[in-house]
Amino acid sequence: MTEETGSAGVARQVRVVLVDDHRMFRTGVQAEIGETARTGVEVVGEAADVDQAVTVITATRPEVVLLDVHLPGGGGVEVLRRCAPLMAASEDQVRFLALSVSDAAEDVIGVIRGGARGYVTKTITGTDLVDSIFRVQDGDAVFSPRLAGFVLDAFASTDAPPVDEDLDRLTQREREVLRLIARGYAYKEIAKQLFISVKTVESHVSAVLRKLQLSNRHELTRWATARRLV
């Protein structure tokens, strides 16, 4: 990974706040991108929920915020709503880049409508993440492959997306588990990817089956596939 440089050959730097409710994930990202002399990225603050995020972002005024979509206290959209004045500021403008395990269309569209400049998934490499951060700092829009199509489709259409009452019964975390189950992931794999315990995964699956009135994961997979959630 190489450091970005400006036109005069001076090394560029960008100040970043990392917002994610999983401490281990924040630690991993910090280790991957936060060595400023190597990457040009300086992590100036961290937060685990909406209130912490707003406080830290307001206090540090970073150039870029790496923002998880699903957070205690209202999610990434609520952080964007409460930080709207910072995004609109003529000086020291704060820009947001969503960094999430979710690649669901509704999550992508929600944060982009909220003002985020891009959306990348947690499968991104450290090198690409650093590049995305600098691009967002420059005002570019950045998306992981295929996610840009969600945004183009959403903003090209004047029609509101149809409401799925069954899907609306599920929490954001239950939707994440649902998609991973439907994609064939084992409970242990889901637990590792979402940074939760296997027991918690089992609880979420039970809740999804109950709310959707389904009997097993095979029915759940068919249900998700029919709605193009996989």
C-alpha atoms as a PDB file:
ATOM      1  CA  MET A   1       0.000   0.000   0.000  1.00  0.00           C
ATOM      2  CA  THR A   2       1.490   3.356  -0.968  1.00  0.00           C
ATOM      3  CA  GLU A   3       0.847   6.794   0.359  1.00  0.00           C
ATOM      4  CA  GLU A   4      -1.140   9.245  -1.758  1.00  0.00           C
ATOM      5  CA  THR A   5       0.757  12.328  -2.951  1.00  0.00           C
ATOM      6  CA  GLY A   6      -0.362  15.686  -4.209  1.00  0.00           C
ATOM      7  CA  SER A   7       0.734  17.525  -7.355  1.00  0.00           C
ATOM      8  CA  ALA A   8       3.715  19.057  -5.555  1.00  0.00           C
ATOM      9  CA  GLY A   9       4.885  15.673  -4.361  1.00  0.00           C
ATOM     10  CA  VAL A  10       3.734  16.357  -0.806  1.00  0.00           C
ATOM     11  CA  ALA A  11       2.264  13.349   0.946  1.00  0.00           C
ATOM     12  CA  ARG A  12      -1.490  13.612   1.378  1.00  0.00           C
ATOM     13  CA  GLN A  13      -3.262  12.776   4.595  1.00  0.00           C
ATOM     14  CA  VAL A  14      -6.891  12.342   5.518  1.00  0.00           C
ATOM     15  CA  ARG A  15      -8.439  12.404   8.983  1.00  0.00           C
ATOM     16  CA  VAL A  16     -10.985   9.628   9.533  1.00  0.00           C
ATOM     17  CA  VAL A  17     -13.504   8.643  12.194  1.00  0.00           C
ATOM     18  CA  LEU A  18     -14.452   4.963  12.343  1.00  0.00           C
ATOM     19  CA  VAL A  19     -18.042   4.162  13.362  1.00  0.00           C
ATOM     20  CA  ASP A  20     -18.932   0.507  13.953  1.00  0.00           C
ATOM     21  CA  ASP A  21     -20.560  -1.271  16.885  1.00  0.00           C
ATOM     22  CA  HIS A  22     -18.075  -4.164  16.822  1.00  0.00           C
ATOM     23  CA  ARG A  23     -14.882  -3.314  18.678  1.00  0.00           C
ATOM     24  CA  MET A  24     -12.930  -6.176  17.079  1.00  0.00           C
ATOM     25  CA  PHE A  25     -13.821  -4.930  13.615  1.00  0.00           C
ATOM     26  CA  ARG A  26     -12.774  -1.370  14.473  1.00  0.00           C
ATOM     27  CA  THR A  27      -9.492  -2.712  15.802  1.00  0.00           C
ATOM     28  CA  GLY A  28      -8.931  -4.656  12.577  1.00  0.00           C
ATOM     29  CA  VAL A  29      -9.639  -1.651  10.354  1.00  0.00           C
ATOM     30  CA  GLN A  30      -7.416   0.549  12.510  1.00  0.00           C
ATOM     31  CA  ALA A  31      -4.568  -1.955  12.127  1.00  0.00           C
ATOM     32  CA  GLU A  32      -5.130  -2.240   8.372  1.00  0.00           C
ATOM     33  CA  ILE A  33      -5.366   1.432   7.411  1.00  0.00           C
ATOM     34  CA  GLY A  34      -4.379   3.501  10.438  1.00  0.00           C
ATOM     35  CA  GLU A  35      -0.594   3.446  10.053  1.00  0.00           C
ATOM     36  CA  THR A  36      -0.499   7.049   8.902  1.00  0.00           C
ATOM     37  CA  ALA A  37       3.107   7.131   7.667  1.00  0.00           C
ATOM     38  CA  ARG A  38       2.307   4.251   5.306  1.00  0.00           C
ATOM     39  CA  THR A  39      -1.279   4.922   4.238  1.00  0.00           C
ATOM     40  CA  GLY A  40      -1.827   8.639   4.789  1.00  0.00           C
ATOM     41  CA  VAL A  41      -4.905   7.828   6.890  1.00  0.00           C
ATOM     42  CA  GLU A  42      -5.105   9.163  10.449  1.00  0.00           C
ATOM     43  CA  VAL A  43      -7.914   7.633  12.544  1.00  0.00           C
ATOM     44  CA  VAL A  44      -8.833  10.487  14.886  1.00  0.00           C
ATOM     45  CA  GLY A  45     -11.803   8.880  16.609  1.00  0.00           C
ATOM     46  CA  GLU A  46     -14.022   5.841  16.987  1.00  0.00           C
ATOM     47  CA  ALA A  47     -17.643   5.290  17.983  1.00  0.00           C
ATOM     48  CA  ALA A  48     -19.892   2.300  18.623  1.00  0.00           C
ATOM     49  CA  ASP A  49     -23.392   3.809  18.469  1.00  0.00           C
ATOM     50  CA  VAL A  50     -25.296   6.788  17.101  1.00  0.00           C
ATOM     51  CA  ASP A  51     -24.842   9.133  20.081  1.00  0.00           C
ATOM     52  CA  GLN A  52     -21.119   8.413  20.340  1.00  0.00           C
ATOM     53  CA  ALA A  53     -20.730   8.891  16.601  1.00  0.00           C
ATOM     54  CA  VAL A  54     -22.380  12.312  16.548  1.00  0.00           C
ATOM     55  CA  THR A  55     -20.323  13.446  19.556  1.00  0.00           C
ATOM     56  CA  VAL A  56     -16.986  12.257  18.136  1.00  0.00           C
ATOM     57  CA  ILE A  57     -17.646  13.529  14.611  1.00  0.00           C
ATOM     58  CA  THR A  58     -18.714  16.949  15.888  1.00  0.00           C
ATOM     59  CA  ALA A  59     -15.668  17.197  18.141  1.00  0.00           C
ATOM     60  CA  THR A  60     -13.037  16.053  15.626  1.00  0.00           C
ATOM     61  CA  ARG A  61     -14.497  17.269  12.291  1.00  0.00           C
ATOM     62  CA  PRO A  62     -12.794  14.568  10.184  1.00  0.00           C
ATOM     63  CA  GLU A  63     -12.644  14.750   6.395  1.00  0.00           C
ATOM     64  CA  VAL A  64     -14.182  11.271   6.072  1.00  0.00           C
ATOM     65  CA  VAL A  65     -16.322   9.069   8.335  1.00  0.00           C
ATOM     66  CA  LEU A  66     -16.385   5.297   7.771  1.00  0.00           C
ATOM     67  CA  LEU A  67     -19.944   4.526   8.794  1.00  0.00           C
ATOM     68  CA  ASP A  68     -21.592   1.180   9.490  1.00  0.00           C
ATOM     69  CA  VAL A  69     -25.219   0.976   8.392  1.00  0.00           C
ATOM     70  CA  HIS A  70     -26.558  -0.907  11.409  1.00  0.00           C
ATOM     71  CA  LEU A  71     -25.818   0.801  14.718  1.00  0.00           C
ATOM     72  CA  PRO A  72     -27.501   0.943  18.118  1.00  0.00           C
ATOM     73  CA  GLY A  73     -29.551   4.111  18.476  1.00  0.00           C
ATOM     74  CA  GLY A  74     -31.050   4.410  15.005  1.00  0.00           C
ATOM     75  CA  GLY A  75     -28.457   3.195  12.506  1.00  0.00           C
ATOM     76  CA  GLY A  76     -26.215   4.975  10.064  1.00  0.00           C
ATOM     77  CA  VAL A  77     -29.109   6.932   8.574  1.00  0.00           C
ATOM     78  CA  GLU A  78     -29.702   8.584  11.951  1.00  0.00           C
ATOM     79  CA  VAL A  79     -26.026   9.573  12.177  1.00  0.00           C
ATOM     80  CA  LEU A  80     -26.308  11.148   8.728  1.00  0.00           C
ATOM     81  CA  ARG A  81     -29.478  12.997   9.698  1.00  0.00           C
ATOM     82  CA  ARG A  82     -27.920  14.464  12.818  1.00  0.00           C
ATOM     83  CA  CYS A  83     -24.683  15.344  11.024  1.00  0.00           C
ATOM     84  CA  ALA A  84     -26.402  17.000   8.054  1.00  0.00           C
ATOM     85  CA  PRO A  85     -25.076  20.496   8.957  1.00  0.00           C
ATOM     86  CA  LEU A  86     -21.505  19.154   8.926  1.00  0.00           C
ATOM     87  CA  MET A  87     -22.021  17.672   5.465  1.00  0.00           C
ATOM     88  CA  ALA A  88     -23.385  20.978   4.176  1.00  0.00           C
ATOM     89  CA  ALA A  89     -20.691  23.184   5.770  1.00  0.00           C
ATOM     90  CA  SER A  90     -18.765  25.463   3.419  1.00  0.00           C
ATOM     91  CA  GLU A  91     -15.568  24.820   5.409  1.00  0.00           C
ATOM     92  CA  ASP A  92     -14.308  21.645   7.112  1.00  0.00           C
ATOM     93  CA  GLN A  93     -16.977  19.616   5.331  1.00  0.00           C
ATOM     94  CA  VAL A  94     -17.426  16.086   6.633  1.00  0.00           C
ATOM     95  CA  ARG A  95     -18.033  13.343   4.067  1.00  0.00           C
ATOM     96  CA  PHE A  96     -19.367   9.857   4.795  1.00  0.00           C
ATOM     97  CA  LEU A  97     -18.428   6.496   3.298  1.00  0.00           C
ATOM     98  CA  ALA A  98     -20.641   3.587   4.347  1.00  0.00           C
ATOM     99  CA  LEU A  99     -18.700   0.432   5.260  1.00  0.00           C
ATOM    100  CA  SER A 100     -21.035  -2.468   5.952  1.00  0.00           C
ATOM    101  CA  VAL A 101     -21.416  -6.226   5.784  1.00  0.00           C
ATOM    102  CA  SER A 102     -24.806  -5.668   4.138  1.00  0.00           C
ATOM    103  CA  ASP A 103     -25.119  -5.427   0.365  1.00  0.00           C
ATOM    104  CA  ALA A 104     -28.909  -5.046   0.442  1.00  0.00           C
ATOM    105  CA  ALA A 105     -30.409  -2.511  -1.943  1.00  0.00           C
ATOM    106  CA  GLU A 106     -32.512  -0.843   0.754  1.00  0.00           C
ATOM    107  CA  ASP A 107     -29.446  -0.281   2.947  1.00  0.00           C
ATOM    108  CA  VAL A 108     -27.412   1.172   0.092  1.00  0.00           C
ATOM    109  CA  ILE A 109     -30.195   3.472  -1.072  1.00  0.00           C
ATOM    110  CA  GLY A 110     -31.051   4.552   2.482  1.00  0.00           C
ATOM    111  CA  VAL A 111     -27.607   5.893   3.358  1.00  0.00           C
ATOM    112  CA  ILE A 112     -27.052   7.457  -0.069  1.00  0.00           C
ATOM    113  CA  ARG A 113     -30.351   9.314   0.255  1.00  0.00           C
ATOM    114  CA  GLY A 114     -29.127  10.334   3.709  1.00  0.00           C
ATOM    115  CA  GLY A 115     -26.063  11.994   2.215  1.00  0.00           C
ATOM    116  CA  ALA A 116     -23.282   9.387   2.189  1.00  0.00           C
ATOM    117  CA  ARG A 117     -20.827   9.738  -0.715  1.00  0.00           C
ATOM    118  CA  GLY A 118     -20.358   6.017  -1.217  1.00  0.00           C
ATOM    119  CA  TYR A 119     -20.935   2.496   0.011  1.00  0.00           C
ATOM    120  CA  VAL A 120     -18.438  -0.358   0.201  1.00  0.00           C
ATOM    121  CA  THR A 121     -18.790  -3.773   1.788  1.00  0.00           C
ATOM    122  CA  LYS A 122     -16.529  -5.275   4.439  1.00  0.00           C
ATOM    123  CA  THR A 123     -15.028  -7.660   1.911  1.00  0.00           C
ATOM    124  CA  ILE A 124     -13.000  -4.728   0.546  1.00  0.00           C
ATOM    125  CA  THR A 125      -9.218  -4.934   0.815  1.00  0.00           C
ATOM    126  CA  GLY A 126      -7.227  -2.494   2.901  1.00  0.00           C
ATOM    127  CA  THR A 127      -5.608  -1.010  -0.202  1.00  0.00           C
ATOM    128  CA  ASP A 128      -8.952  -0.422  -1.895  1.00  0.00           C
ATOM    129  CA  LEU A 129     -10.445   1.007   1.290  1.00  0.00           C
ATOM    130  CA  VAL A 130      -7.657   3.575   1.572  1.00  0.00           C
ATOM    131  CA  ASP A 131      -8.169   4.486  -2.094  1.00  0.00           C
ATOM    132  CA  SER A 132     -11.935   4.825  -1.496  1.00  0.00           C
ATOM    133  CA  ILE A 133     -11.352   7.109   1.494  1.00  0.00           C
ATOM    134  CA  PHE A 134      -9.169   9.474  -0.540  1.00  0.00           C
ATOM    135  CA  ARG A 135     -11.644   9.466  -3.415  1.00  0.00           C
ATOM    136  CA  VAL A 136     -14.491  10.382  -1.069  1.00  0.00           C
ATOM    137  CA  GLN A 137     -12.322  13.124   0.433  1.00  0.00           C
ATOM    138  CA  ASP A 138     -11.988  14.488  -3.119  1.00  0.00           C
ATOM    139  CA  GLY A 139     -15.775  14.465  -3.540  1.00  0.00           C
ATOM    140  CA  ASP A 140     -16.070  11.360  -5.696  1.00  0.00           C
ATOM    141  CA  ALA A 141     -18.843   8.790  -5.296  1.00  0.00           C
ATOM    142  CA  VAL A 142     -17.472   5.317  -4.502  1.00  0.00           C
ATOM    143  CA  PHE A 143     -19.288   1.975  -4.570  1.00  0.00           C
ATOM    144  CA  SER A 144     -18.392  -1.687  -4.354  1.00  0.00           C
ATOM    145  CA  PRO A 145     -19.101  -3.591  -7.594  1.00  0.00           C
ATOM    146  CA  ARG A 146     -22.826  -3.994  -8.385  1.00  0.00           C
ATOM    147  CA  LEU A 147     -23.984  -1.640  -5.605  1.00  0.00           C
ATOM    148  CA  ALA A 148     -23.900   1.383  -7.894  1.00  0.00           C
ATOM    149  CA  GLY A 149     -26.691  -0.229  -9.920  1.00  0.00           C
ATOM    150  CA  PHE A 150     -29.007  -0.084  -6.905  1.00  0.00           C
ATOM    151  CA  VAL A 151     -28.498   3.663  -6.630  1.00  0.00           C
ATOM    152  CA  LEU A 152     -28.888   4.301 -10.358  1.00  0.00           C
ATOM    153  CA  ASP A 153     -32.109   2.292 -10.458  1.00  0.00           C
ATOM    154  CA  ALA A 154     -33.486   4.018  -7.360  1.00  0.00           C
ATOM    155  CA  PHE A 155     -32.790   7.563  -8.495  1.00  0.00           C
ATOM    156  CA  ALA A 156     -33.833   6.906 -12.091  1.00  0.00           C
ATOM    157  CA  SER A 157     -37.286   5.873 -10.923  1.00  0.00           C
ATOM    158  CA  THR A 158     -39.885   8.332  -9.684  1.00  0.00           C
ATOM    159  CA  ASP A 159     -41.937   5.545  -8.167  1.00  0.00           C
ATOM    160  CA  ALA A 160     -41.567   4.684  -4.506  1.00  0.00           C
ATOM    161  CA  PRO A 161     -40.405   1.104  -3.909  1.00  0.00           C
ATOM    162  CA  PRO A 162     -43.183  -1.305  -2.979  1.00  0.00           C
ATOM    163  CA  VAL A 163     -43.679  -2.000   0.713  1.00  0.00           C
ATOM    164  CA  ASP A 164     -43.082  -5.596   1.780  1.00  0.00           C
ATOM    165  CA  GLU A 165     -44.996  -5.966   5.026  1.00  0.00           C
ATOM    166  CA  ASP A 166     -43.449  -9.357   5.787  1.00  0.00           C
ATOM    167  CA  LEU A 167     -39.919  -8.024   5.359  1.00  0.00           C
ATOM    168  CA  ASP A 168     -40.748  -4.957   7.433  1.00  0.00           C
ATOM    169  CA  ARG A 169     -41.435  -7.218  10.411  1.00  0.00           C
ATOM    170  CA  LEU A 170     -37.754  -8.109  10.573  1.00  0.00           C
ATOM    171  CA  THR A 171     -35.066  -6.051  12.248  1.00  0.00           C
ATOM    172  CA  GLN A 172     -31.990  -5.027  10.278  1.00  0.00           C
ATOM    173  CA  ARG A 173     -29.902  -7.704  11.983  1.00  0.00           C
ATOM    174  CA  GLU A 174     -32.550 -10.363  11.253  1.00  0.00           C
ATOM    175  CA  ARG A 175     -32.446  -9.347   7.579  1.00  0.00           C
ATOM    176  CA  GLU A 176     -28.677  -9.777   7.515  1.00  0.00           C
ATOM    177  CA  VAL A 177     -28.963 -13.261   9.026  1.00  0.00           C
ATOM    178  CA  LEU A 178     -31.799 -14.118   6.640  1.00  0.00           C
ATOM    179  CA  ARG A 179     -29.727 -13.265   3.569  1.00  0.00           C
ATOM    180  CA  LEU A 180     -26.707 -15.206   4.760  1.00  0.00           C
ATOM    181  CA  ILE A 181     -28.807 -18.255   5.626  1.00  0.00           C
ATOM    182  CA  ALA A 182     -30.443 -18.071   2.204  1.00  0.00           C
ATOM    183  CA  ARG A 183     -26.991 -17.968   0.603  1.00  0.00           C
ATOM    184  CA  GLY A 184     -26.096 -21.242   2.279  1.00  0.00           C
ATOM    185  CA  TYR A 185     -23.850 -19.999   5.085  1.00  0.00           C
ATOM    186  CA  ALA A 186     -23.497 -22.196   8.180  1.00  0.00           C
ATOM    187  CA  TYR A 187     -24.301 -20.718  11.587  1.00  0.00           C
ATOM    188  CA  LYS A 188     -20.601 -20.562  12.490  1.00  0.00           C
ATOM    189  CA  GLU A 189     -19.804 -18.702   9.265  1.00  0.00           C
ATOM    190  CA  ILE A 190     -22.594 -16.202   9.899  1.00  0.00           C
ATOM    191  CA  ALA A 191     -21.423 -15.665  13.468  1.00  0.00           C
ATOM    192  CA  LYS A 192     -17.892 -14.949  12.253  1.00  0.00           C
ATOM    193  CA  GLN A 193     -18.987 -12.578   9.508  1.00  0.00           C
ATOM    194  CA  LEU A 194     -21.370 -10.592  11.735  1.00  0.00           C
ATOM    195  CA  PHE A 195     -19.119 -10.700  14.828  1.00  0.00           C
ATOM    196  CA  ILE A 196     -21.818 -12.333  16.973  1.00  0.00           C
ATOM    197  CA  SER A 197     -22.097 -15.693  18.740  1.00  0.00           C
ATOM    198  CA  VAL A 198     -23.536 -18.836  17.205  1.00  0.00           C
ATOM    199  CA  LYS A 199     -26.243 -18.767  19.881  1.00  0.00           C
ATOM    200  CA  THR A 200     -27.218 -15.271  18.801  1.00  0.00           C
ATOM    201  CA  VAL A 201     -27.420 -16.440  15.179  1.00  0.00           C
ATOM    202  CA  GLU A 202     -29.722 -19.280  16.264  1.00  0.00           C
ATOM    203  CA  SER A 203     -31.925 -16.807  18.134  1.00  0.00           C
ATOM    204  CA  HIS A 204     -32.181 -14.551  15.077  1.00  0.00           C
ATOM    205  CA  VAL A 205     -33.043 -17.489  12.813  1.00  0.00           C
ATOM    206  CA  SER A 206     -35.767 -18.612  15.222  1.00  0.00           C
ATOM    207  CA  ALA A 207     -37.187 -15.084  15.294  1.00  0.00           C
ATOM    208  CA  VAL A 208     -37.177 -14.859  11.484  1.00  0.00           C
ATOM    209  CA  LEU A 209     -38.926 -18.208  11.099  1.00  0.00           C
ATOM    210  CA  ARG A 210     -41.531 -17.217  13.666  1.00  0.00           C
ATOM    211  CA  LYS A 211     -42.217 -13.783  12.161  1.00  0.00           C
ATOM    212  CA  LEU A 212     -42.467 -15.145   8.617  1.00  0.00           C
ATOM    213  CA  GLN A 213     -44.403 -18.242   9.721  1.00  0.00           C
ATOM    214  CA  LEU A 214     -41.887 -20.591   8.112  1.00  0.00           C
ATOM    215  CA  SER A 215     -40.801 -24.018   9.342  1.00  0.00           C
ATOM    216  CA  ASN A 216     -37.136 -24.411   8.348  1.00  0.00           C
ATOM    217  CA  ARG A 217     -34.196 -22.837   6.557  1.00  0.00           C
ATOM    218  CA  HIS A 218     -35.161 -24.438   3.229  1.00  0.00           C
ATOM    219  CA  GLU A 219     -38.499 -22.596   3.266  1.00  0.00           C
ATOM    220  CA  LEU A 220     -36.639 -19.478   4.361  1.00  0.00           C
ATOM    221  CA  THR A 221     -34.284 -19.770   1.383  1.00  0.00           C
ATOM    222  CA  ARG A 222     -37.197 -20.113  -1.046  1.00  0.00           C
ATOM    223  CA  TRP A 223     -38.903 -17.114   0.565  1.00  0.00           C
ATOM    224  CA  ALA A 224     -35.785 -14.947   0.246  1.00  0.00           C
ATOM    225  CA  THR A 225     -35.080 -16.093  -3.311  1.00  0.00           C
ATOM    226  CA  ALA A 226     -38.618 -15.270  -4.409  1.00  0.00           C
ATOM    227  CA  ARG A 227     -38.087 -11.704  -3.169  1.00  0.00           C
ATOM    228  CA  ARG A 228     -34.630 -11.447  -4.775  1.00  0.00           C
ATOM    229  CA  LEU A 229     -32.959 -10.905  -1.409  1.00  0.00           C
ATOM    230  CA  VAL A 230     -30.190 -13.442  -2.017  1.00  0.00           C
END
